[in-house]
Protein backbone atom coordinates (compact mmCIF):
# COMPACT_ATOMS: atom_id res chain seq x y z
CA GLN A 1 -0.02 0.27 -0.06
CA VAL A 2 1.33 3.23 -0.93
CA GLN A 3 1.68 5.79 1.38
CA VAL A 4 2.14 9.76 0.70
CA VAL A 5 2.47 11.75 3.76
CA GLU A 6 3.53 14.98 4.12
CA SER A 7 4.86 17.32 7.71
CA GLY A 8 6.57 20.63 8.49
CA GLY A 9 3.13 22.77 7.91
CA GLY A 10 2.52 25.35 10.35
CA LEU A 11 1.65 29.41 11.34
CA VAL A 12 5.12 31.19 9.76
CA GLN A 13 5.11 35.23 10.37
CA ALA A 14 5.78 36.71 7.10
CA GLY A 15 9.09 37.49 6.13
CA GLY A 16 9.24 33.61 7.92
CA SER A 17 10.54 30.17 7.02
CA ALA A 18 8.96 26.65 6.58
CA ARG A 19 10.85 23.29 5.42
CA LEU A 20 8.35 20.78 4.01
CA SER A 21 8.61 17.05 4.12
CA CYS A 22 6.91 14.63 1.84
CA THR A 23 7.18 10.65 2.94
CA THR A 24 6.56 7.97 0.34
CA SER A 25 6.46 4.46 1.43
CA GLY A 26 4.98 1.06 -0.74
CA LEU A 27 6.71 2.43 -3.45
CA THR A 28 9.95 3.32 -5.46
CA PHE A 29 10.67 6.51 -4.84
CA GLY A 30 13.31 7.02 -7.74
CA ASP A 31 10.91 5.69 -10.50
CA TYR A 32 9.04 8.68 -9.55
CA ALA A 33 8.99 12.81 -10.07
CA MET A 34 7.54 14.58 -7.59
CA ALA A 35 5.63 17.93 -7.17
CA TRP A 36 3.75 19.83 -4.62
CA PHE A 37 0.85 21.35 -4.93
CA HIS A 38 -0.98 24.00 -3.73
CA ARG A 39 -5.09 25.15 -2.89
CA ALA A 40 -5.54 28.04 -1.37
CA PRO A 41 -9.31 28.50 0.49
CA GLY A 42 -11.21 28.92 -2.48
CA LYS A 43 -8.62 29.29 -5.55
CA GLU A 44 -8.34 25.61 -7.69
CA ARG A 45 -4.74 23.20 -6.77
CA GLU A 46 -1.92 24.48 -8.93
CA VAL A 47 1.13 23.39 -9.21
CA VAL A 48 3.52 24.66 -6.53
CA THR A 49 7.44 23.29 -8.59
CA CYS A 50 7.65 19.78 -9.42
CA ILE A 51 11.13 17.17 -9.52
CA SER A 52 11.64 15.11 -11.53
CA ARG A 53 13.36 11.53 -10.85
CA SER A 54 17.29 12.25 -10.84
CA GLY A 55 16.44 15.96 -8.93
CA GLY A 56 18.05 17.45 -12.14
CA THR A 57 14.77 19.17 -13.75
CA THR A 58 13.19 21.36 -11.49
CA TYR A 59 10.07 24.21 -11.96
CA TYR A 60 8.11 26.45 -10.23
CA LEU A 61 4.98 28.39 -10.17
CA ASP A 62 6.82 31.92 -10.99
CA SER A 63 4.99 33.80 -8.08
CA VAL A 64 7.12 31.29 -5.40
CA LYS A 65 10.69 31.39 -7.77
CA GLY A 66 13.61 33.06 -6.12
CA ARG A 67 11.83 32.22 -2.34
CA SER A 68 11.79 28.58 -2.03
CA THR A 69 13.96 24.79 -3.56
CA VAL A 70 12.71 21.35 -3.45
CA SER A 71 14.83 19.16 -3.43
CA ARG A 72 14.38 15.43 -2.93
CA ASP A 73 16.30 12.79 -1.12
CA ASN A 74 15.75 9.18 -2.90
CA GLY A 75 18.25 7.08 -0.23
CA LYS A 76 15.48 8.45 2.70
CA ASN A 77 12.44 8.43 -0.01
CA THR A 78 11.63 12.89 0.77
CA LEU A 79 11.42 15.54 -1.30
CA TYR A 80 11.34 19.03 0.43
CA LEU A 81 10.17 22.20 -0.14
CA GLU A 82 12.34 25.18 1.92
CA MET A 83 9.96 28.48 1.29
CA ASN A 84 11.20 31.60 2.30
CA ASN A 85 9.80 34.96 3.22
CA LEU A 86 7.29 33.68 3.40
CA LYS A 87 3.90 35.64 2.25
CA PRO A 88 0.20 35.75 3.70
CA GLU A 89 -0.60 34.82 -0.46
CA ASP A 90 1.09 32.02 -0.15
CA THR A 91 -1.37 30.90 2.87
CA ALA A 92 -2.83 27.51 1.30
CA ARG A 93 -3.54 24.10 1.92
CA TYR A 94 0.00 22.06 0.38
CA TYR A 95 -0.37 18.75 -1.30
CA CYS A 96 2.94 16.30 -2.01
CA ALA A 97 2.51 13.80 -5.54
CA ALA A 98 3.93 11.36 -6.42
CA GLY A 99 3.72 10.75 -10.85
CA HIS A 100 4.93 7.08 -11.96
CA ALA A 101 7.81 8.45 -15.13
CA SER A 102 9.84 6.93 -17.88
CA SER A 103 12.49 9.27 -18.25
CA ARG A 104 14.90 10.51 -15.23
CA ASP A 105 14.63 14.18 -16.58
CA TYR A 106 11.23 14.58 -16.60
CA CYS A 107 8.58 15.95 -14.08
CA SER A 108 4.70 17.50 -14.91
CA VAL A 109 2.90 20.56 -13.99
CA PHE A 110 -0.61 18.81 -14.65
CA PRO A 111 -2.15 17.04 -11.50
CA ILE A 112 -3.38 14.21 -13.60
CA PHE A 113 0.02 12.97 -13.80
CA TYR A 114 0.50 11.93 -10.37
CA GLU A 115 -1.27 8.97 -9.15
CA HIS A 116 -0.18 9.09 -5.20
CA TRP A 117 -1.19 12.22 -3.19
CA GLY A 118 -0.69 12.99 1.00
CA GLN A 119 -3.75 14.59 2.54
CA GLY A 120 -1.69 17.77 2.98
CA THR A 121 -0.67 19.75 5.31
CA GLN A 122 -1.32 23.59 6.24
CA VAL A 123 1.20 26.40 6.01
CA THR A 124 -0.29 29.47 7.14
CA VAL A 125 1.00 32.92 7.17
CA SER A 126 0.51 35.78 9.02
CA SER A 127 0.58 38.99 8.17
């Protein structure tokens, strides 16, 4: 049984930082492209960042570019998202997603690509 579990959310002051982690089990982590999505209240789910199996290809949503870093540790089956200079508009529930990828250098910005999802972790940024 595949499990995807996020951690690291919470209440952060504007300008602060947060580090989210996503640990998986029941799948061969290195075979999966990974992504972080978020859903803010009243808004659609959107990709924040994705990272390929090798870690060599990444994508960032424009609004987080330069403030966020995605990384993965294939030996620990864990995905990370470091977010800095957080803004109130970053407030959302953040979801980790895993999608099996034949290419080591591909990740997708589309939710449909990802077959395994976590329950999410809430990040709330206070002004």
